[in-house]
Amino acid sequence: ANAVRLAGSGLAMCSGRLAYCVGQATADAARDFGLTIAQVGTGGLQHLIDELAGQPIRLLRIAGERHVPLSPPDGVRIIACIVYRVAYR
């Protein structure tokens, strides 16, 4: 959900678009920004995108700098947009 919250005002350009969210908190945040929730995952993002295999689809992944790498299945193209960094002191 942090990625959606920290994506900035540019996310408004995606209003009405479908969102595939890794969990319910992310889905709630995405809905607040005007996105239409297509699917909410429960087993991590890789599991969620694996369910889209064979569909010609482009996904925008809004993420933090440190995130789990993904292996997109056939037909799925993922474009990553890093919107935040966690700093440890």
PDB file of N, CA and C in Angstrom:
ATOM      1  N   ALA A   1       0.824  -1.184   0.000  1.00  0.00           N
ATOM      2  CA  ALA A   1       0.000   0.000   0.000  1.00  0.00           C
ATOM      3  C   ALA A   1       0.877   1.260   0.000  1.00  0.00           C
ATOM      4  N   ASN A   2       2.097   1.180   0.558  1.00  0.00           N
ATOM      5  CA  ASN A   2       2.972   2.351   0.580  1.00  0.00           C
ATOM      6  C   ASN A   2       3.276   2.844  -0.831  1.00  0.00           C
ATOM      7  N   ALA A   3       3.483   1.936  -1.751  1.00  0.00           N
ATOM      8  CA  ALA A   3       3.808   2.346  -3.118  1.00  0.00           C
ATOM      9  C   ALA A   3       2.687   3.175  -3.719  1.00  0.00           C
ATOM     10  N   VAL A   4       1.461   2.767  -3.503  1.00  0.00           N
ATOM     11  CA  VAL A   4       0.326   3.527  -4.034  1.00  0.00           C
ATOM     12  C   VAL A   4       0.229   4.880  -3.340  1.00  0.00           C
ATOM     13  N   ARG A   5       0.370   4.879  -2.031  1.00  0.00           N
ATOM     14  CA  ARG A   5       0.271   6.133  -1.269  1.00  0.00           C
ATOM     15  C   ARG A   5       1.363   7.130  -1.646  1.00  0.00           C
ATOM     16  N   LEU A   6       2.546   6.615  -2.001  1.00  0.00           N
ATOM     17  CA  LEU A   6       3.695   7.473  -2.284  1.00  0.00           C
ATOM     18  C   LEU A   6       3.917   7.718  -3.774  1.00  0.00           C
ATOM     19  N   ALA A   7       3.029   7.237  -4.606  1.00  0.00           N
ATOM     20  CA  ALA A   7       3.204   7.360  -6.058  1.00  0.00           C
ATOM     21  C   ALA A   7       3.083   8.796  -6.546  1.00  0.00           C
ATOM     22  N   GLY A   8       2.427   9.645  -5.787  1.00  0.00           N
ATOM     23  CA  GLY A   8       2.314  11.045  -6.166  1.00  0.00           C
ATOM     24  C   GLY A   8       1.106  11.329  -7.034  1.00  0.00           C
ATOM     25  N   SER A   9       0.993  12.570  -7.431  1.00  0.00           N
ATOM     26  CA  SER A   9      -0.190  13.029  -8.153  1.00  0.00           C
ATOM     27  C   SER A   9      -0.301  12.418  -9.551  1.00  0.00           C
ATOM     28  N   GLY A  10       0.780  11.932 -10.107  1.00  0.00           N
ATOM     29  CA  GLY A  10       0.751  11.309 -11.426  1.00  0.00           C
ATOM     30  C   GLY A  10      -0.138  10.082 -11.488  1.00  0.00           C
ATOM     31  N   LEU A  11      -0.369   9.471 -10.338  1.00  0.00           N
ATOM     32  CA  LEU A  11      -1.219   8.284 -10.306  1.00  0.00           C
ATOM     33  C   LEU A  11      -2.651   8.622 -10.709  1.00  0.00           C
ATOM     34  N   ALA A  12      -3.034   9.875 -10.549  1.00  0.00           N
ATOM     35  CA  ALA A  12      -4.386  10.296 -10.939  1.00  0.00           C
ATOM     36  C   ALA A  12      -4.627  10.080 -12.433  1.00  0.00           C
ATOM     37  N   MET A  13      -3.568  10.085 -13.238  1.00  0.00           N
ATOM     38  CA  MET A  13      -3.703   9.837 -14.673  1.00  0.00           C
ATOM     39  C   MET A  13      -4.177   8.418 -14.954  1.00  0.00           C
ATOM     40  N   CYS A  14      -4.041   7.533 -13.992  1.00  0.00           N
ATOM     41  CA  CYS A  14      -4.446   6.142 -14.152  1.00  0.00           C
ATOM     42  C   CYS A  14      -5.850   5.880 -13.635  1.00  0.00           C
ATOM     43  N   SER A  15      -6.531   6.919 -13.213  1.00  0.00           N
ATOM     44  CA  SER A  15      -7.877   6.769 -12.663  1.00  0.00           C
ATOM     45  C   SER A  15      -8.765   5.987 -13.623  1.00  0.00           C
ATOM     46  N   GLY A  16      -9.480   5.018 -13.077  1.00  0.00           N
ATOM     47  CA  GLY A  16     -10.367   4.182 -13.872  1.00  0.00           C
ATOM     48  C   GLY A  16      -9.700   2.959 -14.470  1.00  0.00           C
ATOM     49  N   ARG A  17      -8.388   2.907 -14.425  1.00  0.00           N
ATOM     50  CA  ARG A  17      -7.667   1.743 -14.966  1.00  0.00           C
ATOM     51  C   ARG A  17      -7.763   0.581 -13.989  1.00  0.00           C
ATOM     52  N   LEU A  18      -7.518  -0.618 -14.517  1.00  0.00           N
ATOM     53  CA  LEU A  18      -7.553  -1.812 -13.684  1.00  0.00           C
ATOM     54  C   LEU A  18      -6.292  -1.920 -12.848  1.00  0.00           C
ATOM     55  N   ALA A  19      -6.452  -2.382 -11.624  1.00  0.00           N
ATOM     56  CA  ALA A  19      -5.316  -2.594 -10.721  1.00  0.00           C
ATOM     57  C   ALA A  19      -5.324  -4.037 -10.236  1.00  0.00           C
ATOM     58  N   TYR A  20      -4.179  -4.678 -10.335  1.00  0.00           N
ATOM     59  CA  TYR A  20      -3.966  -6.017  -9.790  1.00  0.00           C
ATOM     60  C   TYR A  20      -3.114  -5.802  -8.554  1.00  0.00           C
ATOM     61  N   CYS A  21      -3.683  -6.033  -7.390  1.00  0.00           N
ATOM     62  CA  CYS A  21      -3.042  -5.642  -6.131  1.00  0.00           C
ATOM     63  C   CYS A  21      -2.575  -6.860  -5.354  1.00  0.00           C
ATOM     64  N   VAL A  22      -1.402  -6.725  -4.746  1.00  0.00           N
ATOM     65  CA  VAL A  22      -0.797  -7.836  -4.027  1.00  0.00           C
ATOM     66  C   VAL A  22      -1.571  -8.219  -2.767  1.00  0.00           C
ATOM     67  N   GLY A  23      -2.291  -7.291  -2.187  1.00  0.00           N
ATOM     68  CA  GLY A  23      -3.059  -7.576  -0.976  1.00  0.00           C
ATOM     69  C   GLY A  23      -4.175  -6.569  -0.778  1.00  0.00           C
ATOM     70  N   GLN A  24      -4.970  -6.787   0.251  1.00  0.00           N
ATOM     71  CA  GLN A  24      -6.137  -5.947   0.480  1.00  0.00           C
ATOM     72  C   GLN A  24      -5.778  -4.505   0.827  1.00  0.00           C
ATOM     73  N   ALA A  25      -4.715  -4.300   1.602  1.00  0.00           N
ATOM     74  CA  ALA A  25      -4.320  -2.923   1.954  1.00  0.00           C
ATOM     75  C   ALA A  25      -3.945  -2.136   0.703  1.00  0.00           C
ATOM     76  N   THR A  26      -3.243  -2.783  -0.219  1.00  0.00           N
ATOM     77  CA  THR A  26      -2.884  -2.130  -1.478  1.00  0.00           C
ATOM     78  C   THR A  26      -4.129  -1.853  -2.306  1.00  0.00           C
ATOM     79  N   ALA A  27      -5.045  -2.797  -2.334  1.00  0.00           N
ATOM     80  CA  ALA A  27      -6.295  -2.616  -3.080  1.00  0.00           C
ATOM     81  C   ALA A  27      -7.094  -1.438  -2.520  1.00  0.00           C
ATOM     82  N   ASP A  28      -7.162  -1.338  -1.211  1.00  0.00           N
ATOM     83  CA  ASP A  28      -7.888  -0.226  -0.587  1.00  0.00           C
ATOM     84  C   ASP A  28      -7.264   1.116  -0.963  1.00  0.00           C
ATOM     85  N   ALA A  29      -5.926   1.181  -0.923  1.00  0.00           N
ATOM     86  CA  ALA A  29      -5.231   2.421  -1.283  1.00  0.00           C
ATOM     87  C   ALA A  29      -5.436   2.743  -2.763  1.00  0.00           C
ATOM     88  N   ALA A  30      -5.380   1.730  -3.622  1.00  0.00           N
ATOM     89  CA  ALA A  30      -5.567   1.932  -5.058  1.00  0.00           C
ATOM     90  C   ALA A  30      -6.985   2.420  -5.355  1.00  0.00           C
ATOM     91  N   ARG A  31      -7.958   1.867  -4.680  1.00  0.00           N
ATOM     92  CA  ARG A  31      -9.349   2.288  -4.859  1.00  0.00           C
ATOM     93  C   ARG A  31      -9.512   3.757  -4.465  1.00  0.00           C
ATOM     94  N   ASP A  32      -8.832   4.154  -3.386  1.00  0.00           N
ATOM     95  CA  ASP A  32      -8.889   5.554  -2.944  1.00  0.00           C
ATOM     96  C   ASP A  32      -8.341   6.514  -3.999  1.00  0.00           C
ATOM     97  N   PHE A  33      -7.434   6.026  -4.851  1.00  0.00           N
ATOM     98  CA  PHE A  33      -6.861   6.842  -5.920  1.00  0.00           C
ATOM     99  C   PHE A  33      -7.661   6.744  -7.213  1.00  0.00           C
ATOM    100  N   GLY A  34      -8.794   6.054  -7.168  1.00  0.00           N
ATOM    101  CA  GLY A  34      -9.657   5.977  -8.340  1.00  0.00           C
ATOM    102  C   GLY A  34      -9.397   4.818  -9.267  1.00  0.00           C
ATOM    103  N   LEU A  35      -8.564   3.878  -8.849  1.00  0.00           N
ATOM    104  CA  LEU A  35      -8.317   2.707  -9.683  1.00  0.00           C
ATOM    105  C   LEU A  35      -9.427   1.681  -9.482  1.00  0.00           C
ATOM    106  N   THR A  36      -9.677   0.897 -10.499  1.00  0.00           N
ATOM    107  CA  THR A  36     -10.668  -0.176 -10.439  1.00  0.00           C
ATOM    108  C   THR A  36      -9.936  -1.469 -10.121  1.00  0.00           C
ATOM    109  N   ILE A  37     -10.319  -2.125  -9.057  1.00  0.00           N
ATOM    110  CA  ILE A  37      -9.611  -3.324  -8.617  1.00  0.00           C
ATOM    111  C   ILE A  37     -10.055  -4.525  -9.450  1.00  0.00           C
ATOM    112  N   ALA A  38      -9.107  -5.086 -10.206  1.00  0.00           N
ATOM    113  CA  ALA A  38      -9.375  -6.250 -11.046  1.00  0.00           C
ATOM    114  C   ALA A  38      -9.204  -7.538 -10.255  1.00  0.00           C
ATOM    115  N   GLN A  39      -8.192  -7.545  -9.384  1.00  0.00           N
ATOM    116  CA  GLN A  39      -7.893  -8.767  -8.630  1.00  0.00           C
ATOM    117  C   GLN A  39      -7.031  -8.417  -7.432  1.00  0.00           C
ATOM    118  N   VAL A  40      -7.250  -9.130  -6.338  1.00  0.00           N
ATOM    119  CA  VAL A  40      -6.447  -8.969  -5.129  1.00  0.00           C
ATOM    120  C   VAL A  40      -5.789 -10.307  -4.831  1.00  0.00           C
ATOM    121  N   GLY A  41      -4.476 -10.306  -4.734  1.00  0.00           N
ATOM    122  CA  GLY A  41      -3.738 -11.525  -4.461  1.00  0.00           C
ATOM    123  C   GLY A  41      -3.649 -11.825  -2.980  1.00  0.00           C
ATOM    124  N   THR A  42      -3.259 -13.058  -2.692  1.00  0.00           N
ATOM    125  CA  THR A  42      -3.053 -13.477  -1.306  1.00  0.00           C
ATOM    126  C   THR A  42      -1.732 -14.201  -1.117  1.00  0.00           C
ATOM    127  N   GLY A  43      -1.076 -14.573  -2.200  1.00  0.00           N
ATOM    128  CA  GLY A  43       0.149 -15.346  -2.088  1.00  0.00           C
ATOM    129  C   GLY A  43       1.361 -14.660  -2.669  1.00  0.00           C
ATOM    130  N   GLY A  44       1.367 -13.351  -2.701  1.00  0.00           N
ATOM    131  CA  GLY A  44       2.493 -12.614  -3.255  1.00  0.00           C
ATOM    132  C   GLY A  44       2.236 -12.207  -4.694  1.00  0.00           C
ATOM    133  N   LEU A  45       3.000 -11.256  -5.168  1.00  0.00           N
ATOM    134  CA  LEU A  45       2.797 -10.702  -6.498  1.00  0.00           C
ATOM    135  C   LEU A  45       3.098 -11.711  -7.601  1.00  0.00           C
ATOM    136  N   GLN A  46       4.115 -12.544  -7.428  1.00  0.00           N
ATOM    137  CA  GLN A  46       4.433 -13.526  -8.470  1.00  0.00           C
ATOM    138  C   GLN A  46       3.248 -14.453  -8.717  1.00  0.00           C
ATOM    139  N   HIS A  47       2.625 -14.903  -7.654  1.00  0.00           N
ATOM    140  CA  HIS A  47       1.458 -15.782  -7.786  1.00  0.00           C
ATOM    141  C   HIS A  47       0.339 -15.066  -8.540  1.00  0.00           C
ATOM    142  N   LEU A  48       0.152 -13.807  -8.245  1.00  0.00           N
ATOM    143  CA  LEU A  48      -0.902 -13.021  -8.892  1.00  0.00           C
ATOM    144  C   LEU A  48      -0.655 -12.883 -10.387  1.00  0.00           C
ATOM    145  N   ILE A  49       0.575 -12.554 -10.786  1.00  0.00           N
ATOM    146  CA  ILE A  49       0.835 -12.377 -12.217  1.00  0.00           C
ATOM    147  C   ILE A  49       0.886 -13.709 -12.958  1.00  0.00           C
ATOM    148  N   ASP A  50       1.233 -14.785 -12.262  1.00  0.00           N
ATOM    149  CA  ASP A  50       1.216 -16.098 -12.903  1.00  0.00           C
ATOM    150  C   ASP A  50      -0.192 -16.455 -13.376  1.00  0.00           C
ATOM    151  N   GLU A  51      -1.196 -15.960 -12.676  1.00  0.00           N
ATOM    152  CA  GLU A  51      -2.588 -16.217 -13.061  1.00  0.00           C
ATOM    153  C   GLU A  51      -2.968 -15.491 -14.351  1.00  0.00           C
ATOM    154  N   LEU A  52      -2.148 -14.530 -14.774  1.00  0.00           N
ATOM    155  CA  LEU A  52      -2.407 -13.769 -15.999  1.00  0.00           C
ATOM    156  C   LEU A  52      -1.666 -14.342 -17.205  1.00  0.00           C
ATOM    157  N   ALA A  53      -0.983 -15.461 -17.036  1.00  0.00           N
ATOM    158  CA  ALA A  53      -0.181 -16.063 -18.101  1.00  0.00           C
ATOM    159  C   ALA A  53      -1.004 -16.247 -19.371  1.00  0.00           C
ATOM    160  N   GLY A  54      -0.372 -15.931 -20.494  1.00  0.00           N
ATOM    161  CA  GLY A  54      -1.005 -16.103 -21.784  1.00  0.00           C
ATOM    162  C   GLY A  54      -1.863 -14.930 -22.217  1.00  0.00           C
ATOM    163  N   GLN A  55      -2.132 -14.009 -21.314  1.00  0.00           N
ATOM    164  CA  GLN A  55      -2.912 -12.824 -21.669  1.00  0.00           C
ATOM    165  C   GLN A  55      -1.953 -11.723 -22.119  1.00  0.00           C
ATOM    166  N   PRO A  56      -2.212 -11.105 -23.253  1.00  0.00           N
ATOM    167  CA  PRO A  56      -1.344  -9.995 -23.662  1.00  0.00           C
ATOM    168  C   PRO A  56      -1.687  -8.767 -22.812  1.00  0.00           C
ATOM    169  N   ILE A  57      -0.873  -8.542 -21.791  1.00  0.00           N
ATOM    170  CA  ILE A  57      -1.175  -7.472 -20.840  1.00  0.00           C
ATOM    171  C   ILE A  57       0.114  -6.770 -20.429  1.00  0.00           C
ATOM    172  N   ARG A  58       0.032  -5.443 -20.287  1.00  0.00           N
ATOM    173  CA  ARG A  58       1.145  -4.645 -19.759  1.00  0.00           C
ATOM    174  C   ARG A  58       0.728  -4.150 -18.391  1.00  0.00           C
ATOM    175  N   LEU A  59       1.605  -4.323 -17.432  1.00  0.00           N
ATOM    176  CA  LEU A  59       1.330  -3.903 -16.062  1.00  0.00           C
ATOM    177  C   LEU A  59       2.365  -2.878 -15.613  1.00  0.00           C
ATOM    178  N   LEU A  60       1.906  -1.857 -14.921  1.00  0.00           N
ATOM    179  CA  LEU A  60       2.799  -0.894 -14.292  1.00  0.00           C
ATOM    180  C   LEU A  60       2.974  -1.339 -12.852  1.00  0.00           C
ATOM    181  N   ARG A  61       4.192  -1.645 -12.474  1.00  0.00           N
ATOM    182  CA  ARG A  61       4.482  -2.051 -11.097  1.00  0.00           C
ATOM    183  C   ARG A  61       4.998  -0.847 -10.333  1.00  0.00           C
ATOM    184  N   ILE A  62       4.214  -0.373  -9.394  1.00  0.00           N
ATOM    185  CA  ILE A  62       4.621   0.733  -8.537  1.00  0.00           C
ATOM    186  C   ILE A  62       5.223   0.106  -7.292  1.00  0.00           C
ATOM    187  N   ALA A  63       6.494   0.403  -7.018  1.00  0.00           N
ATOM    188  CA  ALA A  63       7.188  -0.329  -5.960  1.00  0.00           C
ATOM    189  C   ALA A  63       8.216   0.532  -5.242  1.00  0.00           C
ATOM    190  N   GLY A  64       8.711  -0.017  -4.160  1.00  0.00           N
ATOM    191  CA  GLY A  64       9.839   0.573  -3.466  1.00  0.00           C
ATOM    192  C   GLY A  64      11.132   0.141  -4.134  1.00  0.00           C
ATOM    193  N   GLU A  65      12.215   0.830  -3.794  1.00  0.00           N
ATOM    194  CA  GLU A  65      13.515   0.521  -4.402  1.00  0.00           C
ATOM    195  C   GLU A  65      13.932  -0.933  -4.150  1.00  0.00           C
ATOM    196  N   ARG A  66      13.667  -1.411  -2.957  1.00  0.00           N
ATOM    197  CA  ARG A  66      13.989  -2.808  -2.632  1.00  0.00           C
ATOM    198  C   ARG A  66      12.690  -3.597  -2.726  1.00  0.00           C
ATOM    199  N   HIS A  67      12.596  -4.438  -3.747  1.00  0.00           N
ATOM    200  CA  HIS A  67      11.391  -5.222  -3.960  1.00  0.00           C
ATOM    201  C   HIS A  67      11.756  -6.609  -4.475  1.00  0.00           C
ATOM    202  N   VAL A  68      10.819  -7.499  -4.384  1.00  0.00           N
ATOM    203  CA  VAL A  68      11.020  -8.878  -4.824  1.00  0.00           C
ATOM    204  C   VAL A  68      11.059  -8.911  -6.352  1.00  0.00           C
ATOM    205  N   PRO A  69      12.100  -9.517  -6.932  1.00  0.00           N
ATOM    206  CA  PRO A  69      12.142  -9.623  -8.386  1.00  0.00           C
ATOM    207  C   PRO A  69      11.047 -10.576  -8.880  1.00  0.00           C
ATOM    208  N   LEU A  70      10.565 -10.328 -10.087  1.00  0.00           N
ATOM    209  CA  LEU A  70       9.495 -11.139 -10.658  1.00  0.00           C
ATOM    210  C   LEU A  70       9.947 -11.800 -11.945  1.00  0.00           C
ATOM    211  N   SER A  71       9.290 -12.899 -12.283  1.00  0.00           N
ATOM    212  CA  SER A  71       9.495 -13.580 -13.561  1.00  0.00           C
ATOM    213  C   SER A  71       8.165 -13.570 -14.295  1.00  0.00           C
ATOM    214  N   PRO A  72       7.949 -12.590 -15.163  1.00  0.00           N
ATOM    215  CA  PRO A  72       6.664 -12.501 -15.845  1.00  0.00           C
ATOM    216  C   PRO A  72       6.430 -13.711 -16.757  1.00  0.00           C
ATOM    217  N   PRO A  73       5.232 -14.275 -16.726  1.00  0.00           N
ATOM    218  CA  PRO A  73       4.919 -15.382 -17.625  1.00  0.00           C
ATOM    219  C   PRO A  73       4.689 -14.869 -19.045  1.00  0.00           C
ATOM    220  N   ASP A  74       4.557 -15.778 -19.990  1.00  0.00           N
ATOM    221  CA  ASP A  74       4.317 -15.413 -21.385  1.00  0.00           C
ATOM    222  C   ASP A  74       3.110 -14.492 -21.504  1.00  0.00           C
ATOM    223  N   GLY A  75       3.275 -13.432 -22.274  1.00  0.00           N
ATOM    224  CA  GLY A  75       2.197 -12.491 -22.527  1.00  0.00           C
ATOM    225  C   GLY A  75       2.152 -11.315 -21.569  1.00  0.00           C
ATOM    226  N   VAL A  76       2.808 -11.437 -20.421  1.00  0.00           N
ATOM    227  CA  VAL A  76       2.751 -10.394 -19.397  1.00  0.00           C
ATOM    228  C   VAL A  76       4.028  -9.551 -19.462  1.00  0.00           C
ATOM    229  N   ARG A  77       3.848  -8.251 -19.623  1.00  0.00           N
ATOM    230  CA  ARG A  77       4.984  -7.324 -19.636  1.00  0.00           C
ATOM    231  C   ARG A  77       4.844  -6.404 -18.430  1.00  0.00           C
ATOM    232  N   ILE A  78       5.898  -6.283 -17.654  1.00  0.00           N
ATOM    233  CA  ILE A  78       5.866  -5.462 -16.448  1.00  0.00           C
ATOM    234  C   ILE A  78       6.846  -4.305 -16.588  1.00  0.00           C
ATOM    235  N   ILE A  79       6.346  -3.099 -16.353  1.00  0.00           N
ATOM    236  CA  ILE A  79       7.166  -1.897 -16.348  1.00  0.00           C
ATOM    237  C   ILE A  79       7.211  -1.413 -14.904  1.00  0.00           C
ATOM    238  N   ALA A  80       8.402  -1.328 -14.339  1.00  0.00           N
ATOM    239  CA  ALA A  80       8.538  -0.936 -12.930  1.00  0.00           C
ATOM    240  C   ALA A  80       8.738   0.571 -12.795  1.00  0.00           C
ATOM    241  N   CYS A  81       8.088   1.120 -11.797  1.00  0.00           N
ATOM    242  CA  CYS A  81       8.244   2.526 -11.447  1.00  0.00           C
ATOM    243  C   CYS A  81       8.549   2.579  -9.945  1.00  0.00           C
ATOM    244  N   ILE A  82       9.775   2.951  -9.608  1.00  0.00           N
ATOM    245  CA  ILE A  82      10.189   3.011  -8.211  1.00  0.00           C
ATOM    246  C   ILE A  82       9.769   4.357  -7.645  1.00  0.00           C
ATOM    247  N   VAL A  83       8.999   4.323  -6.557  1.00  0.00           N
ATOM    248  CA  VAL A  83       8.455   5.574  -6.009  1.00  0.00           C
ATOM    249  C   VAL A  83       8.930   5.888  -4.595  1.00  0.00           C
ATOM    250  N   TYR A  84       9.635   4.950  -3.949  1.00  0.00           N
ATOM    251  CA  TYR A  84      10.140   5.271  -2.618  1.00  0.00           C
ATOM    252  C   TYR A  84      11.341   4.396  -2.256  1.00  0.00           C
ATOM    253  N   ARG A  85      12.069   4.872  -1.253  1.00  0.00           N
ATOM    254  CA  ARG A  85      13.240   4.160  -0.732  1.00  0.00           C
ATOM    255  C   ARG A  85      13.120   4.154   0.784  1.00  0.00           C
ATOM    256  N   VAL A  86      13.376   3.012   1.398  1.00  0.00           N
ATOM    257  CA  VAL A  86      13.375   2.922   2.851  1.00  0.00           C
ATOM    258  C   VAL A  86      14.808   3.178   3.319  1.00  0.00           C
ATOM    259  N   ALA A  87      14.973   4.137   4.214  1.00  0.00           N
ATOM    260  CA  ALA A  87      16.303   4.470   4.732  1.00  0.00           C
ATOM    261  C   ALA A  87      16.405   3.977   6.176  1.00  0.00           C
ATOM    262  N   TYR A  88      17.429   3.213   6.431  1.00  0.00           N
ATOM    263  CA  TYR A  88      17.693   2.702   7.777  1.00  0.00           C
ATOM    264  C   TYR A  88      18.796   3.522   8.412  1.00  0.00           C
ATOM    265  N   ARG A  89      18.630   3.837   9.675  1.00  0.00           N
ATOM    266  CA  ARG A  89      19.658   4.632  10.362  1.00  0.00           C
ATOM    267  C   ARG A  89      20.326   3.822  11.426  1.00  0.00           C
TER     268      ARG A  89
END
